[in-house]
Amino acid sequence: MGHCGLCGVKITPVWQAINSAPKDGTRILALENYRRINEDETKEEPPEMLVAWWSVKKGSWVCYGVYVLSFEPTHWMPLPELPDGTISWLK
């Protein structure tokens, strides 16, 4: 999120197609929005939202903090600004 440089109005991010996401290592909020079936094929899983980034080395989207066998996001949006005083590794 940010503000318009001309008028100062707060800009609210919207979901965008994943093909428009940055592939330069920038962290994004990524949404995997399709039906998945568990290994035992008994339960559909809900969509997942994860902080992710494109890995040139792996040629795929990657994320921290969760074990993901496959993560194929369909949409993305920029991460919100962090609170003042927060130390961050995010780009």
N, C-alpha and C. Protein backbone atom coordinates (compact mmCIF):
# COMPACT_ATOMS: atom_id res chain seq x y z
N MET A 1 0.84 -1.17 0.00
CA MET A 1 0.00 0.00 0.00
C MET A 1 0.88 1.23 0.00
N GLY A 2 0.32 2.29 -0.49
CA GLY A 2 1.07 3.53 -0.52
C GLY A 2 0.13 4.69 -0.70
N HIS A 3 0.71 5.80 -1.09
CA HIS A 3 -0.06 7.00 -1.33
C HIS A 3 0.29 7.57 -2.69
N CYS A 4 -0.67 8.20 -3.31
CA CYS A 4 -0.46 8.83 -4.60
C CYS A 4 0.54 9.98 -4.41
N GLY A 5 1.57 10.01 -5.23
CA GLY A 5 2.58 11.06 -5.14
C GLY A 5 2.06 12.43 -5.52
N LEU A 6 0.97 12.47 -6.29
CA LEU A 6 0.43 13.76 -6.72
C LEU A 6 -0.60 14.32 -5.76
N CYS A 7 -1.51 13.47 -5.30
CA CYS A 7 -2.63 13.98 -4.48
C CYS A 7 -2.60 13.50 -3.03
N GLY A 8 -1.74 12.52 -2.70
CA GLY A 8 -1.63 12.03 -1.32
C GLY A 8 -2.71 11.05 -0.90
N VAL A 9 -3.60 10.68 -1.81
CA VAL A 9 -4.67 9.74 -1.49
C VAL A 9 -4.07 8.36 -1.28
N LYS A 10 -4.58 7.65 -0.25
CA LYS A 10 -4.10 6.29 0.04
C LYS A 10 -4.53 5.36 -1.10
N ILE A 11 -3.60 4.56 -1.57
CA ILE A 11 -3.87 3.61 -2.64
C ILE A 11 -4.10 2.24 -2.02
N THR A 12 -5.24 1.62 -2.30
CA THR A 12 -5.55 0.29 -1.79
C THR A 12 -5.23 -0.73 -2.88
N PRO A 13 -4.36 -1.70 -2.59
CA PRO A 13 -4.04 -2.69 -3.61
C PRO A 13 -5.23 -3.59 -3.93
N VAL A 14 -5.24 -4.09 -5.14
CA VAL A 14 -6.28 -5.02 -5.58
C VAL A 14 -5.60 -6.28 -6.10
N TRP A 15 -6.32 -7.38 -6.08
CA TRP A 15 -5.78 -8.63 -6.61
C TRP A 15 -5.54 -8.48 -8.11
N GLN A 16 -4.39 -8.97 -8.55
CA GLN A 16 -4.01 -8.92 -9.96
C GLN A 16 -3.64 -10.33 -10.41
N ALA A 17 -3.73 -10.57 -11.70
CA ALA A 17 -3.34 -11.87 -12.25
C ALA A 17 -1.86 -12.12 -11.96
N ILE A 18 -1.51 -13.34 -11.63
CA ILE A 18 -0.14 -13.68 -11.23
C ILE A 18 0.87 -13.39 -12.34
N ASN A 19 0.45 -13.42 -13.59
CA ASN A 19 1.40 -13.16 -14.68
C ASN A 19 1.90 -11.71 -14.69
N SER A 20 1.27 -10.83 -13.89
CA SER A 20 1.73 -9.44 -13.82
C SER A 20 2.61 -9.20 -12.58
N ALA A 21 2.86 -10.23 -11.78
CA ALA A 21 3.64 -10.09 -10.54
C ALA A 21 5.12 -9.87 -10.85
N PRO A 22 5.82 -9.14 -9.99
CA PRO A 22 7.26 -8.95 -10.18
C PRO A 22 8.01 -10.27 -10.01
N LYS A 23 9.03 -10.45 -10.82
CA LYS A 23 9.86 -11.66 -10.72
C LYS A 23 11.31 -11.29 -10.43
N ASP A 24 11.47 -10.30 -9.53
CA ASP A 24 12.79 -9.81 -9.18
C ASP A 24 13.14 -10.09 -7.72
N GLY A 25 12.42 -11.00 -7.08
CA GLY A 25 12.65 -11.32 -5.67
C GLY A 25 11.79 -10.52 -4.71
N THR A 26 10.99 -9.60 -5.22
CA THR A 26 10.09 -8.81 -4.37
C THR A 26 9.07 -9.72 -3.70
N ARG A 27 8.91 -9.57 -2.39
CA ARG A 27 7.90 -10.36 -1.67
C ARG A 27 6.52 -9.81 -1.97
N ILE A 28 5.57 -10.71 -2.18
CA ILE A 28 4.19 -10.35 -2.50
C ILE A 28 3.25 -11.22 -1.66
N LEU A 29 1.99 -10.83 -1.60
CA LEU A 29 0.96 -11.69 -1.04
C LEU A 29 0.37 -12.45 -2.22
N ALA A 30 0.52 -13.76 -2.21
CA ALA A 30 0.10 -14.59 -3.34
C ALA A 30 -1.09 -15.46 -2.94
N LEU A 31 -2.04 -15.60 -3.85
CA LEU A 31 -3.24 -16.39 -3.62
C LEU A 31 -3.27 -17.57 -4.58
N GLU A 32 -3.40 -18.75 -4.01
CA GLU A 32 -3.59 -19.96 -4.81
C GLU A 32 -5.09 -20.25 -4.76
N ASN A 33 -5.79 -19.96 -5.83
CA ASN A 33 -7.24 -19.98 -5.81
C ASN A 33 -7.81 -21.03 -6.76
N TYR A 34 -7.69 -22.27 -6.37
CA TYR A 34 -8.35 -23.33 -7.13
C TYR A 34 -8.59 -24.50 -6.20
N ARG A 35 -9.43 -25.39 -6.59
CA ARG A 35 -9.77 -26.53 -5.74
C ARG A 35 -8.65 -27.55 -5.77
N ARG A 36 -8.28 -28.01 -4.58
CA ARG A 36 -7.28 -29.06 -4.46
C ARG A 36 -7.89 -30.20 -3.66
N ILE A 37 -7.49 -31.39 -3.96
CA ILE A 37 -7.96 -32.56 -3.24
C ILE A 37 -6.80 -33.12 -2.43
N ASN A 38 -7.08 -33.49 -1.18
CA ASN A 38 -6.05 -34.11 -0.35
C ASN A 38 -5.56 -35.39 -0.99
N GLU A 39 -4.44 -35.90 -0.49
CA GLU A 39 -3.86 -37.12 -1.04
C GLU A 39 -4.86 -38.27 -1.04
N ASP A 40 -5.73 -38.34 -0.02
CA ASP A 40 -6.70 -39.43 0.03
C ASP A 40 -7.97 -39.11 -0.77
N GLU A 41 -7.97 -37.96 -1.46
CA GLU A 41 -9.06 -37.54 -2.35
C GLU A 41 -10.41 -37.45 -1.66
N THR A 42 -10.41 -37.07 -0.38
CA THR A 42 -11.68 -36.99 0.34
C THR A 42 -12.11 -35.57 0.69
N LYS A 43 -11.22 -34.62 0.61
CA LYS A 43 -11.56 -33.28 1.08
C LYS A 43 -10.97 -32.21 0.17
N GLU A 44 -11.80 -31.25 -0.21
CA GLU A 44 -11.30 -30.10 -0.95
C GLU A 44 -10.68 -29.12 0.02
N GLU A 45 -9.61 -28.49 -0.38
CA GLU A 45 -8.93 -27.54 0.48
C GLU A 45 -9.28 -26.12 0.05
N PRO A 46 -9.33 -25.19 1.02
CA PRO A 46 -9.63 -23.80 0.68
C PRO A 46 -8.43 -23.13 0.02
N PRO A 47 -8.64 -21.98 -0.60
CA PRO A 47 -7.52 -21.23 -1.17
C PRO A 47 -6.52 -20.86 -0.08
N GLU A 48 -5.25 -20.68 -0.47
CA GLU A 48 -4.22 -20.28 0.47
C GLU A 48 -3.64 -18.94 0.06
N MET A 49 -3.32 -18.11 1.06
CA MET A 49 -2.61 -16.86 0.83
C MET A 49 -1.30 -16.95 1.58
N LEU A 50 -0.21 -16.72 0.89
CA LEU A 50 1.12 -16.81 1.49
C LEU A 50 1.99 -15.67 0.99
N VAL A 51 2.95 -15.25 1.81
CA VAL A 51 3.97 -14.33 1.34
C VAL A 51 4.91 -15.16 0.46
N ALA A 52 5.12 -14.73 -0.75
CA ALA A 52 5.91 -15.50 -1.71
C ALA A 52 6.76 -14.57 -2.57
N TRP A 53 7.70 -15.16 -3.28
CA TRP A 53 8.51 -14.43 -4.25
C TRP A 53 8.95 -15.39 -5.33
N TRP A 54 9.29 -14.85 -6.49
CA TRP A 54 9.75 -15.67 -7.60
C TRP A 54 11.23 -15.98 -7.42
N SER A 55 11.59 -17.25 -7.51
CA SER A 55 12.98 -17.68 -7.45
C SER A 55 13.46 -17.98 -8.86
N VAL A 56 14.40 -17.17 -9.34
CA VAL A 56 14.96 -17.41 -10.66
C VAL A 56 15.68 -18.75 -10.68
N LYS A 57 16.39 -19.05 -9.59
CA LYS A 57 17.15 -20.31 -9.50
C LYS A 57 16.23 -21.52 -9.62
N LYS A 58 15.09 -21.49 -8.91
CA LYS A 58 14.16 -22.63 -8.94
C LYS A 58 13.16 -22.53 -10.09
N GLY A 59 12.98 -21.32 -10.64
CA GLY A 59 12.01 -21.14 -11.72
C GLY A 59 10.58 -21.31 -11.24
N SER A 60 10.34 -20.93 -9.96
CA SER A 60 9.00 -21.09 -9.41
C SER A 60 8.79 -20.12 -8.26
N TRP A 61 7.55 -20.04 -7.77
CA TRP A 61 7.22 -19.25 -6.60
C TRP A 61 7.60 -20.03 -5.36
N VAL A 62 8.20 -19.35 -4.39
CA VAL A 62 8.59 -19.97 -3.13
C VAL A 62 8.06 -19.12 -1.98
N CYS A 63 8.00 -19.73 -0.79
CA CYS A 63 7.50 -19.02 0.37
C CYS A 63 8.15 -19.58 1.63
N TYR A 64 8.07 -18.80 2.72
CA TYR A 64 8.62 -19.20 4.02
C TYR A 64 7.54 -19.73 4.93
N GLY A 65 7.96 -20.45 5.97
CA GLY A 65 7.12 -20.73 7.11
C GLY A 65 6.11 -21.84 6.97
N VAL A 66 6.02 -22.45 5.83
CA VAL A 66 5.04 -23.53 5.66
C VAL A 66 5.61 -24.53 4.66
N TYR A 67 5.37 -25.80 4.92
CA TYR A 67 5.81 -26.83 3.99
C TYR A 67 4.81 -26.91 2.86
N VAL A 68 5.24 -26.63 1.67
CA VAL A 68 4.34 -26.61 0.52
C VAL A 68 4.88 -27.56 -0.53
N LEU A 69 4.09 -28.58 -0.86
CA LEU A 69 4.50 -29.50 -1.92
C LEU A 69 4.45 -28.81 -3.26
N SER A 70 3.38 -28.08 -3.49
CA SER A 70 3.25 -27.31 -4.72
C SER A 70 2.45 -26.06 -4.39
N PHE A 71 2.90 -24.94 -4.88
CA PHE A 71 2.20 -23.68 -4.68
C PHE A 71 2.18 -22.98 -6.02
N GLU A 72 1.02 -22.92 -6.62
CA GLU A 72 0.85 -22.32 -7.93
C GLU A 72 -0.15 -21.18 -7.81
N PRO A 73 0.32 -19.99 -7.41
CA PRO A 73 -0.61 -18.89 -7.21
C PRO A 73 -1.26 -18.45 -8.51
N THR A 74 -2.48 -17.94 -8.37
CA THR A 74 -3.24 -17.43 -9.51
C THR A 74 -3.35 -15.91 -9.47
N HIS A 75 -3.20 -15.32 -8.28
CA HIS A 75 -3.33 -13.87 -8.11
C HIS A 75 -2.31 -13.37 -7.10
N TRP A 76 -2.09 -12.05 -7.10
CA TRP A 76 -1.15 -11.45 -6.17
C TRP A 76 -1.54 -10.01 -5.89
N MET A 77 -0.96 -9.46 -4.80
CA MET A 77 -1.03 -8.04 -4.51
C MET A 77 0.19 -7.66 -3.69
N PRO A 78 0.55 -6.37 -3.70
CA PRO A 78 1.69 -5.94 -2.90
C PRO A 78 1.41 -6.16 -1.42
N LEU A 79 2.48 -6.35 -0.66
CA LEU A 79 2.33 -6.45 0.79
C LEU A 79 2.02 -5.07 1.37
N PRO A 80 1.30 -5.02 2.49
CA PRO A 80 1.05 -3.72 3.12
C PRO A 80 2.35 -3.16 3.70
N GLU A 81 2.36 -1.86 3.96
CA GLU A 81 3.52 -1.25 4.59
C GLU A 81 3.62 -1.76 6.02
N LEU A 82 4.85 -1.91 6.50
CA LEU A 82 5.08 -2.36 7.87
C LEU A 82 4.93 -1.19 8.84
N PRO A 83 4.61 -1.48 10.10
CA PRO A 83 4.51 -0.41 11.09
C PRO A 83 5.85 0.30 11.26
N ASP A 84 5.81 1.58 11.63
CA ASP A 84 7.03 2.34 11.88
C ASP A 84 7.89 1.62 12.92
N GLY A 85 9.19 1.63 12.70
CA GLY A 85 10.12 1.03 13.64
C GLY A 85 10.34 -0.46 13.47
N THR A 86 9.65 -1.07 12.50
CA THR A 86 9.81 -2.50 12.27
C THR A 86 11.08 -2.76 11.47
N ILE A 87 11.89 -3.71 11.94
CA ILE A 87 13.06 -4.12 11.20
C ILE A 87 12.61 -5.25 10.27
N SER A 88 13.00 -5.15 9.02
CA SER A 88 12.47 -6.12 8.07
C SER A 88 13.51 -6.56 7.06
N TRP A 89 13.42 -7.79 6.64
CA TRP A 89 14.22 -8.33 5.55
C TRP A 89 13.47 -8.22 4.22
N LEU A 90 12.20 -7.78 4.27
CA LEU A 90 11.41 -7.68 3.05
C LEU A 90 11.94 -6.59 2.14
N LYS A 91 11.88 -6.84 0.85
CA LYS A 91 12.29 -5.81 -0.12
C LYS A 91 11.14 -4.87 -0.34
